[in-house]
C-alpha atoms as a PDB file:
ATOM      1  CA  MET A   1       6.271   1.875 -13.688  1.00  0.00           C
ATOM      2  CA  GLU A   2       3.616  -0.160 -12.125  1.00  0.00           C
ATOM      3  CA  LEU A   3       2.598  -1.847  -8.883  1.00  0.00           C
ATOM      4  CA  ILE A   4       0.213  -4.559  -8.419  1.00  0.00           C
ATOM      5  CA  ILE A   5      -2.265  -3.298  -5.901  1.00  0.00           C
ATOM      6  CA  ASN A   6      -5.024  -5.908  -4.529  1.00  0.00           C
ATOM      7  CA  HIS A   7      -4.339  -8.177  -7.451  1.00  0.00           C
ATOM      8  CA  THR A   8      -4.846  -5.194 -10.144  1.00  0.00           C
ATOM      9  CA  ARG A   9      -1.943  -3.587 -12.012  1.00  0.00           C
ATOM     10  CA  LYS A  10      -1.707   0.170 -11.626  1.00  0.00           C
ATOM     11  CA  THR A  11       0.600   2.153 -13.692  1.00  0.00           C
ATOM     12  CA  PHE A  12       2.327   5.395 -12.052  1.00  0.00           C
ATOM     13  CA  ASP A  13       4.260   8.043 -13.923  1.00  0.00           C
ATOM     14  CA  ILE A  14       6.460   8.461 -11.010  1.00  0.00           C
ATOM     15  CA  LEU A  15       6.426   5.500  -8.470  1.00  0.00           C
ATOM     16  CA  PRO A  16       5.472   6.466  -4.793  1.00  0.00           C
ATOM     17  CA  GLU A  17       8.688   6.374  -2.843  1.00  0.00           C
ATOM     18  CA  ASN A  18       7.345   4.271   0.065  1.00  0.00           C
ATOM     19  CA  LEU A  19       4.153   2.556   1.308  1.00  0.00           C
ATOM     20  CA  GLU A  20       3.075   5.699   3.366  1.00  0.00           C
ATOM     21  CA  ALA A  21       3.070   7.820   0.036  1.00  0.00           C
ATOM     22  CA  LEU A  22       1.313   5.010  -1.687  1.00  0.00           C
ATOM     23  CA  LEU A  23      -1.546   4.856   1.129  1.00  0.00           C
ATOM     24  CA  ALA A  24      -1.708   8.743   1.070  1.00  0.00           C
ATOM     25  CA  ILE A  25      -2.711   8.187  -2.695  1.00  0.00           C
ATOM     26  CA  GLU A  26      -5.004   5.188  -2.472  1.00  0.00           C
ATOM     27  CA  LEU A  27      -6.689   5.999   0.904  1.00  0.00           C
ATOM     28  CA  PRO A  28      -6.164   9.686   1.602  1.00  0.00           C
ATOM     29  CA  GLY A  29      -6.339  10.675   5.213  1.00  0.00           C
ATOM     30  CA  LYS A  30      -6.917   7.158   6.625  1.00  0.00           C
ATOM     31  CA  LYS A  31      -4.363   5.320   8.729  1.00  0.00           C
ATOM     32  CA  LYS A  32      -6.457   3.399  11.210  1.00  0.00           C
ATOM     33  CA  GLY A  33      -8.225   0.058  10.433  1.00  0.00           C
ATOM     34  CA  ILE A  34      -5.591  -0.743   7.555  1.00  0.00           C
ATOM     35  CA  ALA A  35      -3.314  -3.671   7.002  1.00  0.00           C
ATOM     36  CA  VAL A  36      -0.749  -3.752   4.300  1.00  0.00           C
ATOM     37  CA  ALA A  37       1.211  -6.684   2.928  1.00  0.00           C
ATOM     38  CA  LEU A  38       4.148  -5.988   0.474  1.00  0.00           C
ATOM     39  CA  ASN A  39       5.047  -9.028  -1.614  1.00  0.00           C
ATOM     40  CA  ASN A  40       3.411 -11.325   0.834  1.00  0.00           C
ATOM     41  CA  ARG A  41       4.873  -9.834   4.000  1.00  0.00           C
ATOM     42  CA  ILE A  42       2.797  -7.737   6.581  1.00  0.00           C
ATOM     43  CA  ILE A  43       4.144  -4.335   7.221  1.00  0.00           C
ATOM     44  CA  PRO A  44       3.415  -2.753  10.470  1.00  0.00           C
ATOM     45  CA  LEU A  45       2.330   0.988  10.369  1.00  0.00           C
ATOM     46  CA  VAL A  46       5.457   2.201  11.927  1.00  0.00           C
ATOM     47  CA  ALA A  47       7.397   0.868   8.990  1.00  0.00           C
ATOM     48  CA  TRP A  48       5.404   2.323   6.348  1.00  0.00           C
ATOM     49  CA  PRO A  49       7.712   5.482   5.855  1.00  0.00           C
ATOM     50  CA  GLU A  50      10.663   3.337   5.760  1.00  0.00           C
ATOM     51  CA  THR A  51       9.371   0.581   3.373  1.00  0.00           C
ATOM     52  CA  PHE A  52      10.458   1.721  -0.018  1.00  0.00           C
ATOM     53  CA  LEU A  53       8.607   0.368  -3.221  1.00  0.00           C
ATOM     54  CA  LYS A  54      10.022  -0.886  -6.510  1.00  0.00           C
ATOM     55  CA  ASP A  55       8.693  -1.635  -9.893  1.00  0.00           C
ATOM     56  CA  LYS A  56       6.340  -4.580 -10.033  1.00  0.00           C
ATOM     57  CA  ASP A  57       5.917  -4.982  -6.335  1.00  0.00           C
ATOM     58  CA  SER A  58       2.817  -6.325  -4.946  1.00  0.00           C
ATOM     59  CA  VAL A  59       0.970  -4.494  -2.372  1.00  0.00           C
ATOM     60  CA  LEU A  60      -2.236  -5.963  -0.630  1.00  0.00           C
ATOM     61  CA  ILE A  61      -4.227  -3.344   1.270  1.00  0.00           C
ATOM     62  CA  ILE A  62      -7.020  -4.467   3.686  1.00  0.00           C
ATOM     63  CA  THR A  63      -9.263  -2.048   5.357  1.00  0.00           C
ATOM     64  CA  ALA A  64     -11.415  -2.820   8.345  1.00  0.00           C
ATOM     65  CA  THR A  65     -15.251  -2.530   7.915  1.00  0.00           C
ATOM     66  CA  GLN A  66     -17.872  -2.296  10.161  1.00  0.00           C
ATOM     67  CA  GLY A  67     -21.371  -4.350  10.238  1.00  0.00           C
ATOM     68  CA  GLY A  68     -22.534  -7.631  11.341  1.00  0.00           C
END
């Protein structure tokens, strides 16, 4: 099974169940300063646990950075 994460195909033996599980894999221990879109729709942090993933979904993960 695969997801398209930040425009790159990533294959999983077992697809993460929801956005929260995916982000635990992709950005372990980080929840602040992250914005996520699933199939071009922004998903708020409170909805990550109930936003389920399916094969071929497109996920865009944006992290805030510091600097000037």
